[in-house]
Protein backbone atom coordinates (compact mmCIF):
# COMPACT_ATOMS: atom_id res chain seq x y z
CA UNK A 1 3.55 1.26 -18.90
CA UNK A 2 2.60 1.84 -15.30
CA UNK A 3 4.73 3.72 -12.87
CA UNK A 4 5.36 1.56 -9.81
CA UNK A 5 6.77 3.39 -6.84
CA UNK A 6 7.69 1.15 -3.97
CA UNK A 7 6.37 1.06 -0.46
CA UNK A 8 6.50 -2.23 1.47
CA UNK A 9 4.59 -3.68 4.36
CA UNK A 10 5.01 -7.41 5.04
CA UNK A 11 2.75 -9.59 7.13
CA UNK A 12 2.86 -13.37 7.62
CA UNK A 13 0.41 -15.02 5.26
CA UNK A 14 -2.66 -16.52 6.93
CA UNK A 15 -5.19 -18.58 4.99
CA UNK A 16 -8.46 -16.87 4.10
CA UNK A 17 -10.38 -19.56 5.89
CA UNK A 18 -8.91 -18.35 9.19
CA UNK A 19 -10.13 -14.81 8.63
CA UNK A 20 -13.30 -13.59 10.29
CA UNK A 21 -14.09 -11.36 7.31
CA UNK A 22 -13.60 -13.77 4.41
CA UNK A 23 -17.33 -14.08 3.79
CA UNK A 24 -17.78 -10.30 3.32
CA UNK A 25 -15.47 -9.33 0.45
CA UNK A 26 -16.83 -10.28 -2.97
CA UNK A 27 -13.70 -9.78 -5.08
CA UNK A 28 -10.59 -11.91 -4.97
CA UNK A 29 -8.31 -8.98 -4.08
CA UNK A 30 -10.26 -8.13 -0.93
CA UNK A 31 -10.52 -11.77 0.13
CA UNK A 32 -6.74 -11.94 -0.32
CA UNK A 33 -6.18 -8.79 1.75
CA UNK A 34 -8.54 -9.99 4.45
CA UNK A 35 -6.58 -13.23 4.69
CA UNK A 36 -3.33 -11.30 5.05
CA UNK A 37 -4.62 -9.17 7.91
CA UNK A 38 -5.98 -11.98 10.06
CA UNK A 39 -3.68 -11.36 13.03
CA UNK A 40 -4.37 -8.73 15.70
CA UNK A 41 -0.87 -7.24 15.64
CA UNK A 42 2.30 -7.38 13.58
CA UNK A 43 6.01 -6.70 13.92
CA UNK A 44 6.94 -3.99 11.39
CA UNK A 45 10.23 -3.65 9.55
CA UNK A 46 10.47 -0.18 7.99
CA UNK A 47 12.68 -0.36 4.91
CA UNK A 48 15.21 1.92 3.33
CA UNK A 49 17.23 1.26 0.19
CA UNK A 50 20.98 1.03 -0.24
CA UNK A 51 22.09 0.55 -3.82
CA UNK A 52 18.58 -0.55 -4.77
CA UNK A 53 18.51 -3.25 -2.09
CA UNK A 54 15.86 -3.10 0.68
CA UNK A 55 17.44 -2.72 4.13
CA UNK A 56 15.65 -2.63 7.50
CA UNK A 57 16.01 0.91 8.92
CA UNK A 58 13.88 0.51 12.03
CA UNK A 59 11.36 -1.80 13.63
CA UNK A 60 8.17 -1.39 15.62
CA UNK A 61 4.73 -2.86 16.06
CA UNK A 62 1.26 -2.11 14.76
CA UNK A 63 -2.17 -3.12 16.01
CA UNK A 64 -4.82 -4.23 13.49
CA UNK A 65 -8.27 -2.90 14.36
CA UNK A 66 -11.45 -4.34 12.87
CA UNK A 67 -14.77 -2.55 13.05
CA UNK A 68 -17.42 -4.37 11.03
CA UNK A 69 -15.75 -4.75 7.62
CA UNK A 70 -13.19 -1.96 7.98
CA UNK A 71 -9.54 -2.63 8.82
CA UNK A 72 -7.47 0.18 10.34
CA UNK A 73 -4.12 0.34 12.10
CA UNK A 74 -2.82 1.94 15.27
CA UNK A 75 0.68 2.27 16.68
CA UNK A 76 2.63 4.10 19.34
CA UNK A 77 5.76 4.17 17.15
CA UNK A 78 6.19 7.64 15.63
CA UNK A 79 7.98 6.31 12.53
CA UNK A 80 4.96 4.09 11.76
CA UNK A 81 2.21 6.72 12.21
CA UNK A 82 1.59 6.74 8.44
CA UNK A 83 -0.15 3.36 8.91
CA UNK A 84 -2.87 5.12 10.91
CA UNK A 85 -3.80 6.92 7.65
CA UNK A 86 -4.54 3.59 5.93
CA UNK A 87 -8.05 2.15 5.93
CA UNK A 88 -9.24 -0.93 4.09
CA UNK A 89 -12.99 -1.25 3.60
CA UNK A 90 -13.56 -4.93 2.81
CA UNK A 91 -17.30 -4.66 2.23
CA UNK A 92 -17.17 -1.69 -0.16
CA UNK A 93 -13.86 -2.87 -1.64
CA UNK A 94 -12.02 0.41 -1.16
CA UNK A 95 -8.58 1.39 0.06
CA UNK A 96 -8.26 4.83 1.66
CA UNK A 97 -4.92 6.52 2.40
CA UNK A 98 -4.73 10.03 3.84
CA UNK A 99 -8.43 10.53 3.08
CA UNK A 100 -7.96 9.71 -0.61
CA UNK A 101 -10.02 6.82 -1.92
CA UNK A 102 -7.87 4.75 -4.25
CA UNK A 103 -9.64 2.71 -6.94
CA UNK A 104 -8.45 -0.79 -7.72
CA UNK A 105 -6.02 -0.86 -10.65
CA UNK A 106 -4.71 -4.37 -11.24
CA UNK A 107 -3.25 -7.59 -9.94
CA UNK A 108 0.54 -7.57 -9.52
CA UNK A 109 2.74 -10.57 -10.30
CA UNK A 110 6.39 -9.62 -9.92
CA UNK A 111 9.32 -11.84 -10.93
CA UNK A 112 12.20 -12.92 -8.68
CA UNK A 113 14.35 -10.23 -10.31
CA UNK A 114 12.19 -7.41 -8.87
CA UNK A 115 13.47 -5.22 -6.05
CA UNK A 116 11.66 -7.31 -3.42
CA UNK A 117 11.98 -10.68 -5.11
CA UNK A 118 9.02 -12.65 -6.40
CA UNK A 119 5.72 -11.42 -4.99
CA UNK A 120 2.03 -11.36 -5.85
CA UNK A 121 -0.61 -8.88 -4.80
CA UNK A 122 -2.75 -5.97 -5.91
CA UNK A 123 -2.38 -2.27 -6.81
CA UNK A 124 -4.67 0.70 -6.20
CA UNK A 125 -3.97 4.04 -7.89
CA UNK A 126 -5.53 7.49 -7.86
CA UNK A 127 -4.27 10.26 -10.12
CA UNK A 128 -5.80 13.72 -10.36
CA UNK A 129 -4.81 16.61 -12.59
CA UNK A 130 -6.09 20.07 -13.44
CA UNK A 131 -5.38 19.42 -17.14
CA UNK A 132 -7.80 17.80 -19.57
CA UNK A 133 -6.52 14.95 -21.73
CA UNK A 134 -6.40 17.00 -24.96
CA UNK A 135 -5.30 20.28 -23.35
CA UNK A 136 -1.86 21.79 -23.85
CA UNK A 137 0.14 21.40 -20.63
CA UNK A 138 1.62 24.61 -19.21
CA UNK A 139 4.23 23.41 -16.73
CA UNK A 140 4.08 26.33 -14.28
CA UNK A 141 0.30 25.95 -14.01
CA UNK A 142 0.29 22.16 -13.76
CA UNK A 143 -1.23 20.65 -10.61
CA UNK A 144 -1.22 16.90 -10.28
CA UNK A 145 -1.40 14.31 -7.51
CA UNK A 146 -0.78 10.58 -7.70
CA UNK A 147 -1.13 8.02 -4.89
CA UNK A 148 -0.34 4.33 -5.41
CA UNK A 149 -0.65 1.51 -2.90
CA UNK A 150 0.59 -2.03 -3.49
CA UNK A 151 -0.19 -4.88 -1.10
CA UNK A 152 0.96 -8.44 -1.57
CA UNK A 153 2.94 -11.37 -0.28
CA UNK A 154 6.63 -12.07 -0.91
CA UNK A 155 7.07 -15.68 -1.97
CA UNK A 156 10.46 -16.41 -0.34
CA UNK A 157 9.72 -14.88 3.07
CA UNK A 158 5.92 -15.20 3.28
CA UNK A 159 5.85 -11.56 4.41
CA UNK A 160 3.23 -9.07 3.32
CA UNK A 161 4.56 -6.28 1.16
CA UNK A 162 3.01 -2.82 1.39
CA UNK A 163 4.27 -0.01 -0.80
CA UNK A 164 2.82 3.48 -0.74
CA UNK A 165 3.94 6.25 -3.02
CA UNK A 166 2.51 9.77 -3.18
CA UNK A 167 3.70 12.45 -5.60
CA UNK A 168 2.30 15.93 -5.95
CA UNK A 169 2.98 18.86 -8.28
CA UNK A 170 1.44 22.22 -7.41
CA UNK A 171 1.66 25.08 -9.95
CA UNK A 172 4.55 23.29 -11.67
CA UNK A 173 6.59 22.71 -8.49
CA UNK A 174 7.11 19.23 -7.13
CA UNK A 175 6.25 18.86 -3.46
CA UNK A 176 8.26 16.47 -1.31
CA UNK A 177 7.13 12.98 -2.31
CA UNK A 178 5.99 10.43 0.26
CA UNK A 179 7.35 6.99 -0.45
CA UNK A 180 7.61 4.24 2.11
CA UNK A 181 8.09 0.52 2.30
CA UNK A 182 7.83 -1.91 5.17
CA UNK A 183 7.27 -5.55 6.06
CA UNK A 184 4.84 -6.82 8.64
CA UNK A 185 5.20 -10.25 10.14
């Protein structure tokens, strides 16, 4: 069972044929991502949750920057600065968030009953730990970090969904987790 921690970013879906980078990515997930990020800028809806229902907390805008096969983001909105830590390397098929390279995990197909409704996309996950698989875990010495990024399209709204979740335990103490969700359109 995989832990899925939500962080949303929605963008209007644009066909892969309209993307200038569609010929570069070899895998289906990076062709899909490239097609989602075909616009130069997006309106962002930063989400919060009330009783497990996504609610728009604030809005802003983000600029999509393309340099060769790398997609980055820039914004003047302080509440969206986390997007500047996200880099998508289409050629090398990597997602980088806060200088951590996240390997591809799996395709995501979520039902209409999920928190964001029916959506399809992909997940990247990096987990590190100071404990070997067969080693006895001593809680107060445990150090672990997990970063998950989900990117997909919500069927009902045609918005791109981006979820980022970071959890870290240092010497047995949980640091403040980073979890965010937003739509881009």
